[in-house]
Protein backbone atom coordinates (compact mmCIF):
# COMPACT_ATOMS: atom_id res chain seq x y z
CA MET A 1 171.58 140.90 140.00
CA LEU A 2 169.73 137.60 140.45
CA GLU A 3 172.76 135.70 139.18
CA GLU A 4 174.93 137.41 141.78
CA LYS A 5 172.55 136.42 144.57
CA VAL A 6 172.37 132.83 143.37
CA SER A 7 176.13 132.72 143.02
CA SER A 8 176.52 134.12 146.54
CA LEU A 9 174.11 131.54 147.92
CA GLU A 10 175.96 128.73 146.15
CA GLU A 11 179.23 129.92 147.62
CA LYS A 12 177.76 130.08 151.12
CA PHE A 13 176.24 126.64 150.68
CA ASN A 14 179.56 125.20 149.52
CA ASN A 15 181.35 126.76 152.50
CA LEU A 16 178.75 125.32 154.83
CA GLU A 17 179.13 121.88 153.24
CA GLU A 18 182.89 122.03 153.72
CA LYS A 19 182.48 122.97 157.38
CA VAL A 20 180.03 120.13 157.99
CA ASP A 21 182.32 117.62 156.28
CA SER A 22 185.26 118.89 158.32
CA ARG A 23 183.35 118.55 161.59
CA LEU A 24 182.23 115.05 160.68
CA ARG A 25 185.83 114.04 160.06
CA GLU A 26 186.80 115.54 163.43
CA THR A 27 184.08 113.80 165.43
CA LYS A 28 184.03 110.41 163.67
CA PRO A 29 186.96 108.98 165.70
CA ILE A 30 185.30 110.18 168.90
CA TRP A 31 182.03 108.41 168.09
CA GLU A 32 183.84 105.26 167.00
CA SER A 33 185.62 105.23 170.35
CA VAL A 34 182.36 105.79 172.24
CA LEU A 35 180.67 102.94 170.36
CA GLU A 36 183.56 100.59 171.13
CA SER A 37 183.39 101.53 174.81
CA LEU A 38 179.65 100.88 174.83
CA LYS A 39 180.18 97.43 173.32
CA ILE A 40 182.70 96.59 176.04
CA MET A 41 180.38 97.89 178.78
CA ASP A 42 177.49 95.89 177.34
CA ALA A 43 179.56 92.71 177.44
CA LYS A 44 180.57 93.41 181.05
CA PHE A 45 176.94 94.00 182.06
CA ASP A 46 176.02 90.67 180.47
CA VAL A 47 178.60 88.96 182.68
CA ILE A 48 177.45 90.84 185.78
CA GLY A 49 173.83 89.94 185.02
CA ALA A 50 174.68 86.26 184.68
CA GLU A 51 176.63 86.35 187.95
CA LEU A 52 173.71 88.05 189.69
CA LEU A 53 171.33 85.34 188.50
CA ASP A 54 173.72 82.65 189.78
CA LEU A 55 173.96 84.42 193.12
CA ARG A 56 170.17 84.62 193.42
CA ALA A 57 169.86 80.92 192.64
CA GLU A 58 172.47 80.04 195.27
CA THR A 59 170.72 82.27 197.80
CA GLN A 60 167.40 80.54 197.17
CA LEU A 61 169.01 77.13 197.64
CA LEU A 62 170.59 78.24 200.92
CA LYS A 63 167.26 79.64 202.15
CA ARG A 64 165.60 76.28 201.53
CA LYS A 65 168.30 74.47 203.51
CA LEU A 66 167.98 76.76 206.54
CA PRO A 67 165.49 75.81 209.24
CA PRO A 68 162.49 78.14 209.51
CA ALA A 69 162.96 81.11 211.79
CA ALA A 70 161.28 80.82 215.17
């Protein structure tokens, strides 16, 4: 009786393991794609951030060249 229950639990556990492994194989390409997209977006934000800093610096220079407002 106890052996049957243990055997049944082992079988259920093995089935669960197979399902988890199957799902991981299914979702791995999705996550790899998401990570690659995030890397690309991160690089783009770095460029945008640098351009924003340049724009702020240029704006400050232009403000200094303008005569004070009356």
